[in-house]
C-alpha atoms as a PDB file:
ATOM      1  CA  MET A   1      90.941 286.013 418.470  1.00  0.00           C
ATOM      2  CA  HIS A   2      94.396 284.258 418.179  1.00  0.00           C
ATOM      3  CA  LYS A   3      92.839 280.980 419.580  1.00  0.00           C
ATOM      4  CA  ILE A   4      90.060 280.977 417.058  1.00  0.00           C
ATOM      5  CA  ARG A   5      92.437 281.413 414.191  1.00  0.00           C
ATOM      6  CA  LEU A   6      94.635 278.528 415.296  1.00  0.00           C
ATOM      7  CA  SER A   7      91.701 276.275 415.778  1.00  0.00           C
ATOM      8  CA  SER A   8      90.535 277.240 412.233  1.00  0.00           C
ATOM      9  CA  ILE A   9      93.897 276.348 410.757  1.00  0.00           C
ATOM     10  CA  PHE A  10      94.117 273.126 412.592  1.00  0.00           C
ATOM     11  CA  PHE A  11      90.594 272.178 411.578  1.00  0.00           C
ATOM     12  CA  ARG A  12      91.354 272.829 407.866  1.00  0.00           C
ATOM     13  CA  TYR A  13      94.586 270.751 408.084  1.00  0.00           C
ATOM     14  CA  SER A  14      92.733 267.963 409.649  1.00  0.00           C
ATOM     15  CA  LEU A  15      89.929 268.019 407.163  1.00  0.00           C
ATOM     16  CA  THR A  16      92.312 268.140 404.293  1.00  0.00           C
ATOM     17  CA  SER A  17      94.186 265.210 405.710  1.00  0.00           C
ATOM     18  CA  ALA A  18      91.133 263.187 406.283  1.00  0.00           C
ATOM     19  CA  ILE A  19      90.006 263.792 402.612  1.00  0.00           C
ATOM     20  CA  LEU A  20      93.429 262.790 401.252  1.00  0.00           C
ATOM     21  CA  LEU A  21      93.687 259.744 403.447  1.00  0.00           C
ATOM     22  CA  THR A  22      90.255 258.463 402.685  1.00  0.00           C
ATOM     23  CA  THR A  23      90.750 258.980 398.867  1.00  0.00           C
ATOM     24  CA  LEU A  24      94.038 257.184 398.987  1.00  0.00           C
ATOM     25  CA  SER A  25      92.853 254.232 401.132  1.00  0.00           C
ATOM     26  CA  ALA A  26      89.777 253.855 398.845  1.00  0.00           C
ATOM     27  CA  GLU A  27      92.014 253.413 395.866  1.00  0.00           C
ATOM     28  CA  LEU A  28      94.255 250.933 397.662  1.00  0.00           C
ATOM     29  CA  ILE A  29      91.389 248.682 398.897  1.00  0.00           C
ATOM     30  CA  ARG A  30      89.301 248.799 395.665  1.00  0.00           C
ATOM     31  CA  PRO A  31      88.265 245.197 394.756  1.00  0.00           C
ATOM     32  CA  VAL A  32      90.229 243.638 392.096  1.00  0.00           C
ATOM     33  CA  LYS A  33      88.402 241.425 389.511  1.00  0.00           C
ATOM     34  CA  THR A  34      89.940 238.005 389.560  1.00  0.00           C
ATOM     35  CA  LEU A  35      89.320 234.822 387.486  1.00  0.00           C
ATOM     36  CA  ALA A  36      87.719 233.348 390.564  1.00  0.00           C
ATOM     37  CA  GLU A  37      84.901 235.913 390.148  1.00  0.00           C
ATOM     38  CA  CYS A  38      84.169 234.756 386.624  1.00  0.00           C
ATOM     39  CA  THR A  39      81.591 232.093 387.343  1.00  0.00           C
ATOM     40  CA  PRO A  40      78.296 231.299 385.737  1.00  0.00           C
ATOM     41  CA  GLY A  41      75.441 233.552 386.833  1.00  0.00           C
ATOM     42  CA  THR A  42      77.536 236.703 387.545  1.00  0.00           C
ATOM     43  CA  SER A  43      77.268 239.607 385.452  1.00  0.00           C
ATOM     44  CA  ASN A  44      81.011 240.775 385.709  1.00  0.00           C
ATOM     45  CA  CYS A  45      82.067 238.252 383.115  1.00  0.00           C
ATOM     46  CA  GLU A  46      79.873 239.175 380.325  1.00  0.00           C
ATOM     47  CA  ASN A  47      77.798 235.923 380.819  1.00  0.00           C
ATOM     48  CA  LYS A  48      80.594 233.758 379.469  1.00  0.00           C
ATOM     49  CA  THR A  49      80.607 230.078 380.085  1.00  0.00           C
ATOM     50  CA  ASP A  50      82.908 229.050 382.881  1.00  0.00           C
ATOM     51  CA  ASN A  51      85.829 227.298 381.193  1.00  0.00           C
ATOM     52  CA  SER A  52      88.151 227.658 384.212  1.00  0.00           C
ATOM     53  CA  SER A  53      90.124 224.503 383.470  1.00  0.00           C
ATOM     54  CA  CYS A  54      91.648 226.108 380.435  1.00  0.00           C
ATOM     55  CA  ASP A  55      93.222 222.896 379.370  1.00  0.00           C
ATOM     56  CA  SER A  56      91.553 222.567 376.139  1.00  0.00           C
ATOM     57  CA  ARG A  57      91.738 223.856 372.614  1.00  0.00           C
ATOM     58  CA  ASN A  58      87.989 223.371 372.005  1.00  0.00           C
ATOM     59  CA  PRO A  59      86.204 226.503 370.762  1.00  0.00           C
ATOM     60  CA  TYR A  60      83.429 227.382 373.199  1.00  0.00           C
ATOM     61  CA  ASN A  61      80.924 230.218 373.940  1.00  0.00           C
ATOM     62  CA  LEU A  62      79.906 230.569 370.312  1.00  0.00           C
ATOM     63  CA  VAL A  63      77.830 233.654 369.651  1.00  0.00           C
ATOM     64  CA  THR A  64      76.365 235.266 366.647  1.00  0.00           C
ATOM     65  CA  ASP A  65      75.826 238.841 365.414  1.00  0.00           C
ATOM     66  CA  THR A  66      73.219 239.420 362.624  1.00  0.00           C
ATOM     67  CA  THR A  67      72.961 243.277 362.903  1.00  0.00           C
ATOM     68  CA  ARG A  68      74.570 243.775 359.531  1.00  0.00           C
ATOM     69  CA  VAL A  69      72.320 243.061 356.490  1.00  0.00           C
ATOM     70  CA  ARG A  70      73.189 239.760 354.740  1.00  0.00           C
ATOM     71  CA  ARG A  71      76.043 239.086 357.253  1.00  0.00           C
ATOM     72  CA  ILE A  72      76.382 236.559 360.017  1.00  0.00           C
ATOM     73  CA  LYS A  73      79.305 237.058 362.260  1.00  0.00           C
ATOM     74  CA  ILE A  74      80.118 234.083 364.588  1.00  0.00           C
ATOM     75  CA  ALA A  75      82.558 234.479 367.429  1.00  0.00           C
ATOM     76  CA  TRP A  76      84.220 232.082 369.863  1.00  0.00           C
ATOM     77  CA  ASP A  77      86.608 231.791 372.803  1.00  0.00           C
ATOM     78  CA  VAL A  78      89.317 229.266 373.206  1.00  0.00           C
ATOM     79  CA  CYS A  79      91.720 228.732 376.177  1.00  0.00           C
ATOM     80  CA  GLN A  80      94.791 227.246 374.314  1.00  0.00           C
ATOM     81  CA  LYS A  81      95.775 228.295 370.866  1.00  0.00           C
ATOM     82  CA  ASN A  82      95.355 226.320 367.661  1.00  0.00           C
ATOM     83  CA  ASP A  83      97.396 226.623 364.551  1.00  0.00           C
ATOM     84  CA  PHE A  84      94.353 227.290 362.466  1.00  0.00           C
ATOM     85  CA  TYR A  85      90.524 227.088 362.555  1.00  0.00           C
ATOM     86  CA  GLN A  86      87.923 225.534 360.318  1.00  0.00           C
ATOM     87  CA  VAL A  87      84.469 226.827 359.903  1.00  0.00           C
ATOM     88  CA  THR A  88      81.628 225.081 358.056  1.00  0.00           C
ATOM     89  CA  TRP A  89      78.288 226.335 357.449  1.00  0.00           C
ATOM     90  CA  GLY A  90      75.148 225.524 355.441  1.00  0.00           C
ATOM     91  CA  ASP A  91      71.477 225.572 354.973  1.00  0.00           C
ATOM     92  CA  ASP A  92      70.905 222.818 352.694  1.00  0.00           C
ATOM     93  CA  LYS A  93      74.519 221.990 351.798  1.00  0.00           C
ATOM     94  CA  ASP A  94      77.848 222.319 353.746  1.00  0.00           C
ATOM     95  CA  ASP A  95      80.747 224.664 352.855  1.00  0.00           C
ATOM     96  CA  MET A  96      83.952 224.984 354.625  1.00  0.00           C
ATOM     97  CA  THR A  97      86.685 227.541 355.073  1.00  0.00           C
ATOM     98  CA  GLN A  98      89.978 227.501 356.795  1.00  0.00           C
ATOM     99  CA  ILE A  99      91.227 230.444 358.855  1.00  0.00           C
ATOM    100  CA  ASP A 100      95.035 230.292 359.082  1.00  0.00           C
ATOM    101  CA  ASP A 101      95.273 232.858 361.884  1.00  0.00           C
ATOM    102  CA  PRO A 102      95.924 231.269 365.341  1.00  0.00           C
ATOM    103  CA  THR A 103      94.699 234.384 366.946  1.00  0.00           C
ATOM    104  CA  ALA A 104      91.334 234.343 365.063  1.00  0.00           C
ATOM    105  CA  ARG A 105      88.238 234.505 367.382  1.00  0.00           C
ATOM    106  CA  SER A 106      85.515 235.341 364.759  1.00  0.00           C
ATOM    107  CA  TRP A 107      84.457 234.786 361.173  1.00  0.00           C
ATOM    108  CA  THR A 108      81.773 236.566 359.049  1.00  0.00           C
ATOM    109  CA  TYR A 109      79.534 234.775 356.565  1.00  0.00           C
ATOM    110  CA  VAL A 110      78.531 237.185 353.628  1.00  0.00           C
ATOM    111  CA  GLY A 111      75.528 236.527 351.511  1.00  0.00           C
ATOM    112  CA  ALA A 112      73.063 235.176 354.015  1.00  0.00           C
ATOM    113  CA  ARG A 113      69.327 235.097 352.987  1.00  0.00           C
ATOM    114  CA  ASP A 114      66.351 236.282 354.979  1.00  0.00           C
ATOM    115  CA  LEU A 115      64.604 233.942 357.405  1.00  0.00           C
ATOM    116  CA  VAL A 116      66.947 230.983 356.655  1.00  0.00           C
ATOM    117  CA  LYS A 117      68.271 228.495 359.398  1.00  0.00           C
ATOM    118  CA  TYR A 118      71.997 228.103 359.097  1.00  0.00           C
ATOM    119  CA  THR A 119      74.141 225.628 360.967  1.00  0.00           C
ATOM    120  CA  PHE A 120      77.700 226.826 361.839  1.00  0.00           C
ATOM    121  CA  LYS A 121      80.493 224.582 363.201  1.00  0.00           C
ATOM    122  CA  VAL A 122      83.928 225.650 364.402  1.00  0.00           C
ATOM    123  CA  ARG A 123      86.904 223.649 365.391  1.00  0.00           C
ATOM    124  CA  GLY A 124      90.595 224.275 366.121  1.00  0.00           C
ATOM    125  CA  CYS A 125      93.225 222.164 364.473  1.00  0.00           C
ATOM    126  CA  ASN A 126      96.946 221.890 364.814  1.00  0.00           C
ATOM    127  CA  ALA A 127      99.110 221.051 361.800  1.00  0.00           C
ATOM    128  CA  PRO A 128     100.810 217.608 361.733  1.00  0.00           C
ATOM    129  CA  MET A 129     104.307 217.513 363.115  1.00  0.00           C
ATOM    130  CA  THR A 130     105.630 216.008 359.889  1.00  0.00           C
ATOM    131  CA  LYS A 131     105.320 217.368 356.406  1.00  0.00           C
ATOM    132  CA  ASP A 132     103.525 214.204 355.306  1.00  0.00           C
ATOM    133  CA  ALA A 133     100.676 215.398 353.058  1.00  0.00           C
ATOM    134  CA  ALA A 134      98.703 212.240 353.904  1.00  0.00           C
ATOM    135  CA  GLN A 135      98.691 212.959 357.621  1.00  0.00           C
ATOM    136  CA  GLU A 136      95.557 214.579 358.898  1.00  0.00           C
ATOM    137  CA  PRO A 137      95.785 217.673 361.199  1.00  0.00           C
ATOM    138  CA  ASP A 138      94.860 217.144 364.898  1.00  0.00           C
ATOM    139  CA  CYS A 139      91.395 218.835 365.282  1.00  0.00           C
ATOM    140  CA  THR A 140      89.148 219.373 368.257  1.00  0.00           C
ATOM    141  CA  PRO A 141      85.516 218.194 368.012  1.00  0.00           C
ATOM    142  CA  TRP A 142      83.160 220.558 366.159  1.00  0.00           C
ATOM    143  CA  ALA A 143      81.352 223.166 368.307  1.00  0.00           C
ATOM    144  CA  GLU A 144      77.907 223.868 366.712  1.00  0.00           C
ATOM    145  CA  LEU A 145      75.648 226.834 366.577  1.00  0.00           C
ATOM    146  CA  LEU A 146      72.173 227.254 364.754  1.00  0.00           C
ATOM    147  CA  VAL A 147      71.168 230.615 363.553  1.00  0.00           C
ATOM    148  CA  THR A 148      67.975 231.808 361.909  1.00  0.00           C
ATOM    149  CA  THR A 149      68.528 234.999 360.102  1.00  0.00           C
ATOM    150  CA  PRO A 150      66.089 237.973 360.550  1.00  0.00           C
ATOM    151  CA  ASP A 151      63.994 239.496 357.872  1.00  0.00           C
ATOM    152  CA  TRP A 152      66.473 242.310 356.960  1.00  0.00           C
END
């Protein structure tokens, strides 16, 4: 009877050790998501466009959200920061606004009409190095997005 008891204790110790080691090693070798995995066609990067060079201030990956009535939210990504962003929009005329927040990555248009096709454009700009009012800011090319509003 003494032998059976020792075997039972040894077995429990071995089983506990095996479970702990398996759990510990599984945590250590869990794959880490890296930038290299963020390529077009993979689902782990939320279907974002591959802009791996990240040497540009150009807004990219423009998307819209029209789930709120009469509102069109546009969002974008950017690799390098800008001092400010300019957004234009229009259906039959163009309006423009300036977003003076370098961390801005979205803007919402309020007052959209049902079943109208809008054109939105976004660009990043850096203020001129001098305080000369006649000098234009250094801006990226416009990134454009067409949106047709739903019948809210």
